[in-house]
Amino acid sequence: MTAVAAGNPNQSPTAVISAQPDDWRRLIERYIQRQAGASGLRIQVDIPPGEAGPPACGKAPRFVEVQRTRWIGPQNIGLQCDTPTWGWSVNVRVRGFGQVVQTSRAVPAGQLLGPDDVLQVESDLATEPTGVLTDLAQAVGRETTRPMRENTSLTLNTLRVPAVINVGDRITVRVVGKAFQITADGVALQKGAVGDTIRVKLSEGKTVSASVVRAGHVDVTL
């Protein structure tokens, strides 16, 4: 396993990779650092320790450019040489370490997260769930959708915006038409956060769908 230290991303790779036994490793590490390091992550490249490496190349070899959706995780890196002519590739694992948001203690479902409930830790993003949160502000003030243990990585799917209207709340319903606007009283039949659509029973007995505007207020658009 070889760690790549952050360096000058514009530095040219080694020209002759067979001058020293590990020249080809440093060449690949610097190439991946330039490609993946632009994300601001701390990059580490794992190359199989028993890999013998490519044949000698009399001039700078070329990397085989492949369209990649991401640089973190397993990668196949190819090299080509003109003098002499050969092609070679190696499977490596690229680790990108960045800050992620985790629970600082066990929390139940429906917990409104405060600053003491979350923390940032450095983690290999290849091992984290898709959409993992990286900023504490993304978590503080949201509710958990399920119970979570201490040090659970948080995603948007595990959190929700807290409800500002609960079942049974008496609310003001604003009905907006093309050329008119009226207000009426109603009772919430569902709970909802700002922007949610909930069912509301009007004082006259009719049930309608309404958009939550703020605490105690919903809109019905005709």
C-alpha atoms as a PDB file:
ATOM      1  CA  MET A   1       0.000   0.000   0.000  1.00  0.00           C
ATOM      2  CA  THR A   2       1.471   3.345  -1.046  1.00  0.00           C
ATOM      3  CA  ALA A   3       0.357   6.687   0.337  1.00  0.00           C
ATOM      4  CA  VAL A   4       0.374   9.668  -1.985  1.00  0.00           C
ATOM      5  CA  ALA A   5       1.282  12.986  -0.439  1.00  0.00           C
ATOM      6  CA  ALA A   6      -0.253  16.131  -1.863  1.00  0.00           C
ATOM      7  CA  GLY A   7       2.163  17.859  -4.202  1.00  0.00           C
ATOM      8  CA  ASN A   8       2.338  20.039  -7.264  1.00  0.00           C
ATOM      9  CA  PRO A   9      -0.471  18.762  -9.546  1.00  0.00           C
ATOM     10  CA  ASN A  10       1.360  20.134 -12.584  1.00  0.00           C
ATOM     11  CA  GLN A  11       4.571  18.225 -11.932  1.00  0.00           C
ATOM     12  CA  SER A  12       5.533  15.986 -14.856  1.00  0.00           C
ATOM     13  CA  PRO A  13       5.737  12.221 -14.239  1.00  0.00           C
ATOM     14  CA  THR A  14       9.013  10.317 -14.400  1.00  0.00           C
ATOM     15  CA  ALA A  15      10.218  10.023 -18.001  1.00  0.00           C
ATOM     16  CA  VAL A  16      11.959   6.646 -17.907  1.00  0.00           C
ATOM     17  CA  ILE A  17      10.075   4.289 -15.656  1.00  0.00           C
ATOM     18  CA  SER A  18      12.693   1.543 -15.466  1.00  0.00           C
ATOM     19  CA  ALA A  19      15.542   3.649 -14.088  1.00  0.00           C
ATOM     20  CA  GLN A  20      14.679   2.500 -10.549  1.00  0.00           C
ATOM     21  CA  PRO A  21      12.526  -0.449  -9.412  1.00  0.00           C
ATOM     22  CA  ASP A  22       9.615   1.689  -8.191  1.00  0.00           C
ATOM     23  CA  ASP A  23       9.596   4.379 -10.909  1.00  0.00           C
ATOM     24  CA  TRP A  24       6.413   2.968 -12.442  1.00  0.00           C
ATOM     25  CA  ARG A  25       4.656   3.059  -9.062  1.00  0.00           C
ATOM     26  CA  ARG A  26       5.519   6.721  -8.553  1.00  0.00           C
ATOM     27  CA  LEU A  27       4.421   7.470 -12.116  1.00  0.00           C
ATOM     28  CA  ILE A  28       0.984   5.937 -11.518  1.00  0.00           C
ATOM     29  CA  GLU A  29       0.630   7.565  -8.106  1.00  0.00           C
ATOM     30  CA  ARG A  30       1.345  11.043  -9.469  1.00  0.00           C
ATOM     31  CA  TYR A  31      -1.040  10.495 -12.393  1.00  0.00           C
ATOM     32  CA  ILE A  32      -3.898   9.453 -10.108  1.00  0.00           C
ATOM     33  CA  GLN A  33      -3.088  12.276  -7.679  1.00  0.00           C
ATOM     34  CA  ARG A  34      -3.488  14.807 -10.490  1.00  0.00           C
ATOM     35  CA  GLN A  35      -6.764  13.271 -11.658  1.00  0.00           C
ATOM     36  CA  ALA A  36      -8.435  12.544  -8.311  1.00  0.00           C
ATOM     37  CA  GLY A  37      -6.741  15.166  -6.138  1.00  0.00           C
ATOM     38  CA  ALA A  38      -8.671  18.024  -7.759  1.00  0.00           C
ATOM     39  CA  SER A  39     -11.620  17.054  -5.541  1.00  0.00           C
ATOM     40  CA  GLY A  40      -9.731  18.296  -2.483  1.00  0.00           C
ATOM     41  CA  LEU A  41      -9.630  14.820  -0.943  1.00  0.00           C
ATOM     42  CA  ARG A  42      -6.559  13.200   0.562  1.00  0.00           C
ATOM     43  CA  ILE A  43      -5.696  10.514  -1.984  1.00  0.00           C
ATOM     44  CA  GLN A  44      -4.108   7.157  -1.273  1.00  0.00           C
ATOM     45  CA  VAL A  45      -3.280   4.627  -3.988  1.00  0.00           C
ATOM     46  CA  ASP A  46      -3.075   0.911  -3.171  1.00  0.00           C
ATOM     47  CA  ILE A  47      -0.984  -1.026  -5.716  1.00  0.00           C
ATOM     48  CA  PRO A  48      -0.575  -4.803  -5.254  1.00  0.00           C
ATOM     49  CA  PRO A  49       2.810  -5.259  -3.526  1.00  0.00           C
ATOM     50  CA  GLY A  50       3.699  -8.267  -5.649  1.00  0.00           C
ATOM     51  CA  GLU A  51       3.096  -6.499  -8.979  1.00  0.00           C
ATOM     52  CA  ALA A  52       6.245  -6.750 -11.121  1.00  0.00           C
ATOM     53  CA  GLY A  53       5.518  -3.657 -13.178  1.00  0.00           C
ATOM     54  CA  PRO A  54       5.777  -2.908 -16.905  1.00  0.00           C
ATOM     55  CA  PRO A  55       8.746  -3.543 -19.211  1.00  0.00           C
ATOM     56  CA  ALA A  56      11.421  -0.886 -19.722  1.00  0.00           C
ATOM     57  CA  CYS A  57      10.443   2.175 -21.738  1.00  0.00           C
ATOM     58  CA  GLY A  58      13.010   4.437 -23.391  1.00  0.00           C
ATOM     59  CA  LYS A  59      10.805   7.525 -23.330  1.00  0.00           C
ATOM     60  CA  ALA A  60       7.837   8.771 -21.343  1.00  0.00           C
ATOM     61  CA  PRO A  61       5.016   6.185 -21.558  1.00  0.00           C
ATOM     62  CA  ARG A  62       1.469   7.309 -22.248  1.00  0.00           C
ATOM     63  CA  PHE A  63      -1.484   6.648 -20.027  1.00  0.00           C
ATOM     64  CA  VAL A  64      -4.457   4.983 -21.675  1.00  0.00           C
ATOM     65  CA  GLU A  65      -7.180   7.588 -21.196  1.00  0.00           C
ATOM     66  CA  VAL A  66     -10.526   6.108 -20.190  1.00  0.00           C
ATOM     67  CA  GLN A  67     -13.736   8.024 -19.456  1.00  0.00           C
ATOM     68  CA  ARG A  68     -14.393   7.518 -15.736  1.00  0.00           C
ATOM     69  CA  THR A  69     -17.438   8.562 -13.737  1.00  0.00           C
ATOM     70  CA  ARG A  70     -15.352   8.616 -10.549  1.00  0.00           C
ATOM     71  CA  TRP A  71     -11.740   8.091  -9.521  1.00  0.00           C
ATOM     72  CA  ILE A  72     -12.412   6.688  -6.065  1.00  0.00           C
ATOM     73  CA  GLY A  73     -12.521   2.887  -5.710  1.00  0.00           C
ATOM     74  CA  PRO A  74     -11.103   0.086  -7.902  1.00  0.00           C
ATOM     75  CA  GLN A  75      -9.419   1.337 -11.090  1.00  0.00           C
ATOM     76  CA  ASN A  76      -7.571  -0.235 -14.002  1.00  0.00           C
ATOM     77  CA  ILE A  77      -4.638   1.931 -15.098  1.00  0.00           C
ATOM     78  CA  GLY A  78      -3.062   1.321 -18.515  1.00  0.00           C
ATOM     79  CA  LEU A  79       0.297   2.409 -19.939  1.00  0.00           C
ATOM     80  CA  GLN A  80       1.577   2.348 -23.522  1.00  0.00           C
ATOM     81  CA  CYS A  81       5.172   2.679 -24.731  1.00  0.00           C
ATOM     82  CA  ASP A  82       6.459   3.463 -28.237  1.00  0.00           C
ATOM     83  CA  THR A  83      10.141   2.521 -27.725  1.00  0.00           C
ATOM     84  CA  PRO A  84       9.866  -0.445 -27.567  1.00  0.00           C
ATOM     85  CA  THR A  85       6.172  -0.933 -28.336  1.00  0.00           C
ATOM     86  CA  TRP A  86       4.101  -2.453 -25.560  1.00  0.00           C
ATOM     87  CA  GLY A  87       0.865  -2.042 -23.617  1.00  0.00           C
ATOM     88  CA  TRP A  88       0.439  -2.841 -19.949  1.00  0.00           C
ATOM     89  CA  SER A  89      -2.146  -2.327 -17.207  1.00  0.00           C
ATOM     90  CA  VAL A  90      -2.540  -2.829 -13.464  1.00  0.00           C
ATOM     91  CA  ASN A  91      -5.529  -2.949 -11.107  1.00  0.00           C
ATOM     92  CA  VAL A  92      -5.270  -0.498  -8.215  1.00  0.00           C
ATOM     93  CA  ARG A  93      -7.555   0.801  -5.493  1.00  0.00           C
ATOM     94  CA  VAL A  94      -7.863   4.552  -5.046  1.00  0.00           C
ATOM     95  CA  ARG A  95      -8.924   5.784  -1.636  1.00  0.00           C
ATOM     96  CA  GLY A  96     -10.216   9.325  -1.199  1.00  0.00           C
ATOM     97  CA  PHE A  97     -10.313  10.547   2.377  1.00  0.00           C
ATOM     98  CA  GLY A  98     -12.617  13.431   3.240  1.00  0.00           C
ATOM     99  CA  GLN A  99     -14.810  14.732   6.038  1.00  0.00           C
ATOM    100  CA  VAL A 100     -18.184  13.017   6.582  1.00  0.00           C
ATOM    101  CA  VAL A 101     -20.935  13.631   9.125  1.00  0.00           C
ATOM    102  CA  GLN A 102     -21.723  10.907  11.665  1.00  0.00           C
ATOM    103  CA  THR A 103     -23.815  10.560  14.792  1.00  0.00           C
ATOM    104  CA  SER A 104     -21.824  11.269  17.960  1.00  0.00           C
ATOM    105  CA  ARG A 105     -24.103   8.966  19.970  1.00  0.00           C
ATOM    106  CA  ALA A 106     -27.001   6.576  19.482  1.00  0.00           C
ATOM    107  CA  VAL A 107     -30.183   8.403  18.452  1.00  0.00           C
ATOM    108  CA  PRO A 108     -33.796   7.188  18.112  1.00  0.00           C
ATOM    109  CA  ALA A 109     -36.066   7.654  15.107  1.00  0.00           C
ATOM    110  CA  GLY A 110     -37.651  11.092  15.081  1.00  0.00           C
ATOM    111  CA  GLN A 111     -34.733  12.709  16.929  1.00  0.00           C
ATOM    112  CA  LEU A 112     -34.233  16.385  16.091  1.00  0.00           C
ATOM    113  CA  LEU A 113     -30.471  16.589  15.671  1.00  0.00           C
ATOM    114  CA  GLY A 114     -28.578  19.285  17.506  1.00  0.00           C
ATOM    115  CA  PRO A 115     -24.881  20.243  17.394  1.00  0.00           C
ATOM    116  CA  ASP A 116     -24.060  17.728  20.149  1.00  0.00           C
ATOM    117  CA  ASP A 117     -25.625  14.821  18.225  1.00  0.00           C
ATOM    118  CA  VAL A 118     -23.272  14.938  15.213  1.00  0.00           C
ATOM    119  CA  LEU A 119     -19.579  15.252  14.414  1.00  0.00           C
ATOM    120  CA  GLN A 120     -17.239  15.279  11.427  1.00  0.00           C
ATOM    121  CA  VAL A 121     -14.658  12.530  10.910  1.00  0.00           C
ATOM    122  CA  GLU A 122     -12.247  11.712   8.105  1.00  0.00           C
ATOM    123  CA  SER A 123     -13.278   8.600   6.186  1.00  0.00           C
ATOM    124  CA  ASP A 124     -12.519   6.708   2.995  1.00  0.00           C
ATOM    125  CA  LEU A 125     -15.412   7.846   0.776  1.00  0.00           C
ATOM    126  CA  ALA A 126     -15.268   4.603  -1.220  1.00  0.00           C
ATOM    127  CA  THR A 127     -16.638   2.837   1.868  1.00  0.00           C
ATOM    128  CA  GLU A 128     -19.374   5.390   2.577  1.00  0.00           C
ATOM    129  CA  PRO A 129     -23.000   5.248   1.364  1.00  0.00           C
ATOM    130  CA  THR A 130     -24.031   7.265  -1.677  1.00  0.00           C
ATOM    131  CA  GLY A 131     -24.956  10.816  -0.757  1.00  0.00           C
ATOM    132  CA  VAL A 132     -23.119  10.840   2.571  1.00  0.00           C
ATOM    133  CA  LEU A 133     -23.260  14.281   4.217  1.00  0.00           C
ATOM    134  CA  THR A 134     -20.035  16.275   4.437  1.00  0.00           C
ATOM    135  CA  ASP A 135     -21.204  19.435   6.221  1.00  0.00           C
ATOM    136  CA  LEU A 136     -22.610  19.589   9.761  1.00  0.00           C
ATOM    137  CA  ALA A 137     -25.122  22.216   8.646  1.00  0.00           C
ATOM    138  CA  GLN A 138     -26.766  19.580   6.436  1.00  0.00           C
ATOM    139  CA  ALA A 139     -27.694  17.544   9.528  1.00  0.00           C
ATOM    140  CA  VAL A 140     -28.326  19.969  12.394  1.00  0.00           C
ATOM    141  CA  GLY A 141     -32.027  20.825  12.663  1.00  0.00           C
ATOM    142  CA  ARG A 142     -33.235  17.738  10.789  1.00  0.00           C
ATOM    143  CA  GLU A 143     -35.010  14.661  12.144  1.00  0.00           C
ATOM    144  CA  THR A 144     -33.784  11.090  11.914  1.00  0.00           C
ATOM    145  CA  THR A 145     -35.962   8.708   9.896  1.00  0.00           C
ATOM    146  CA  ARG A 146     -34.796   5.614  11.793  1.00  0.00           C
ATOM    147  CA  PRO A 147     -32.857   4.660  14.929  1.00  0.00           C
ATOM    148  CA  MET A 148     -29.089   4.967  14.461  1.00  0.00           C
ATOM    149  CA  ARG A 149     -26.094   3.787  16.422  1.00  0.00           C
ATOM    150  CA  GLU A 150     -23.165   5.943  17.429  1.00  0.00           C
ATOM    151  CA  ASN A 151     -20.803   6.749  14.522  1.00  0.00           C
ATOM    152  CA  THR A 152     -23.417   6.086  11.815  1.00  0.00           C
ATOM    153  CA  SER A 153     -22.709   8.054   8.630  1.00  0.00           C
ATOM    154  CA  LEU A 154     -25.643  10.289   7.708  1.00  0.00           C
ATOM    155  CA  THR A 155     -27.242  10.766   4.287  1.00  0.00           C
ATOM    156  CA  LEU A 156     -30.208  12.825   3.150  1.00  0.00           C
ATOM    157  CA  ASN A 157     -32.227   9.592   3.062  1.00  0.00           C
ATOM    158  CA  THR A 158     -31.679   9.048   6.786  1.00  0.00           C
ATOM    159  CA  LEU A 159     -32.891  12.561   7.696  1.00  0.00           C
ATOM    160  CA  ARG A 160     -35.967  14.672   7.048  1.00  0.00           C
ATOM    161  CA  VAL A 161     -37.059  18.248   7.572  1.00  0.00           C
ATOM    162  CA  PRO A 162     -39.045  18.406  10.836  1.00  0.00           C
ATOM    163  CA  ALA A 163     -42.815  18.787  10.637  1.00  0.00           C
ATOM    164  CA  VAL A 164     -44.240  22.242  11.377  1.00  0.00           C
ATOM    165  CA  ILE A 165     -47.847  20.977  11.300  1.00  0.00           C
ATOM    166  CA  ASN A 166     -49.043  17.895  13.163  1.00  0.00           C
ATOM    167  CA  VAL A 167     -52.190  15.794  12.923  1.00  0.00           C
ATOM    168  CA  GLY A 168     -55.097  17.573  14.594  1.00  0.00           C
ATOM    169  CA  ASP A 169     -53.578  21.050  14.426  1.00  0.00           C
ATOM    170  CA  ARG A 170     -56.043  23.841  13.695  1.00  0.00           C
ATOM    171  CA  ILE A 171     -54.687  25.734  10.711  1.00  0.00           C
ATOM    172  CA  THR A 172     -55.427  28.599   8.364  1.00  0.00           C
ATOM    173  CA  VAL A 173     -56.139  27.536   4.792  1.00  0.00           C
ATOM    174  CA  ARG A 174     -55.528  30.050   2.027  1.00  0.00           C
ATOM    175  CA  VAL A 175     -57.387  29.196  -1.185  1.00  0.00           C
ATOM    176  CA  VAL A 176     -55.853  30.894  -4.229  1.00  0.00           C
ATOM    177  CA  GLY A 177     -57.653  31.038  -7.585  1.00  0.00           C
ATOM    178  CA  LYS A 178     -56.943  32.834 -10.849  1.00  0.00           C
ATOM    179  CA  ALA A 179     -58.597  36.080  -9.784  1.00  0.00           C
ATOM    180  CA  PHE A 180     -59.427  35.582  -6.119  1.00  0.00           C
ATOM    181  CA  GLN A 181     -58.047  34.581  -2.740  1.00  0.00           C
ATOM    182  CA  ILE A 182     -59.953  33.530   0.369  1.00  0.00           C
ATOM    183  CA  THR A 183     -59.030  32.070   3.741  1.00  0.00           C
ATOM    184  CA  ALA A 184     -60.751  29.389   5.753  1.00  0.00           C
ATOM    185  CA  ASP A 185     -60.240  27.394   8.923  1.00  0.00           C
ATOM    186  CA  GLY A 186     -59.262  23.754   8.819  1.00  0.00           C
ATOM    187  CA  VAL A 187     -57.805  20.807  10.715  1.00  0.00           C
ATOM    188  CA  ALA A 188     -54.670  18.920   9.602  1.00  0.00           C
ATOM    189  CA  LEU A 189     -55.278  15.244   8.847  1.00  0.00           C
ATOM    190  CA  GLN A 190     -51.554  14.625   8.272  1.00  0.00           C
ATOM    191  CA  LYS A 191     -48.338  16.095   9.605  1.00  0.00           C
ATOM    192  CA  GLY A 192     -45.996  17.888   7.228  1.00  0.00           C
ATOM    193  CA  ALA A 193     -42.858  19.972   6.838  1.00  0.00           C
ATOM    194  CA  VAL A 194     -42.604  23.173   4.818  1.00  0.00           C
ATOM    195  CA  GLY A 195     -43.227  22.273   1.174  1.00  0.00           C
ATOM    196  CA  ASP A 196     -45.058  19.009   1.916  1.00  0.00           C
ATOM    197  CA  THR A 197     -48.569  18.325   0.618  1.00  0.00           C
ATOM    198  CA  ILE A 198     -50.980  17.208   3.329  1.00  0.00           C
ATOM    199  CA  ARG A 199     -54.694  16.435   3.631  1.00  0.00           C
ATOM    200  CA  VAL A 200     -56.762  19.086   5.390  1.00  0.00           C
ATOM    201  CA  LYS A 201     -60.394  19.012   6.523  1.00  0.00           C
ATOM    202  CA  LEU A 202     -62.097  22.373   6.089  1.00  0.00           C
ATOM    203  CA  SER A 203     -64.584  23.676   8.648  1.00  0.00           C
ATOM    204  CA  GLU A 204     -67.406  23.008   6.155  1.00  0.00           C
ATOM    205  CA  GLY A 205     -66.453  19.321   6.126  1.00  0.00           C
ATOM    206  CA  LYS A 206     -64.687  19.120   2.742  1.00  0.00           C
ATOM    207  CA  THR A 207     -61.253  17.457   2.561  1.00  0.00           C
ATOM    208  CA  VAL A 208     -58.594  19.024   0.335  1.00  0.00           C
ATOM    209  CA  SER A 209     -54.882  18.675  -0.413  1.00  0.00           C
ATOM    210  CA  ALA A 210     -52.806  21.650   0.647  1.00  0.00           C
ATOM    211  CA  SER A 211     -49.168  22.745   0.573  1.00  0.00           C
ATOM    212  CA  VAL A 212     -47.519  23.569   3.895  1.00  0.00           C
ATOM    213  CA  VAL A 213     -46.293  27.186   3.881  1.00  0.00           C
ATOM    214  CA  ARG A 214     -45.232  27.577   7.513  1.00  0.00           C
ATOM    215  CA  ALA A 215     -46.407  26.540  10.951  1.00  0.00           C
ATOM    216  CA  GLY A 216     -50.206  26.770  11.052  1.00  0.00           C
ATOM    217  CA  HIS A 217     -50.623  27.871   7.441  1.00  0.00           C
ATOM    218  CA  VAL A 218     -51.290  25.976   4.208  1.00  0.00           C
ATOM    219  CA  ASP A 219     -52.155  26.932   0.649  1.00  0.00           C
ATOM    220  CA  VAL A 220     -54.666  25.400  -1.760  1.00  0.00           C
ATOM    221  CA  THR A 221     -54.153  26.415  -5.385  1.00  0.00           C
ATOM    222  CA  LEU A 222     -57.123  26.031  -7.733  1.00  0.00           C
END
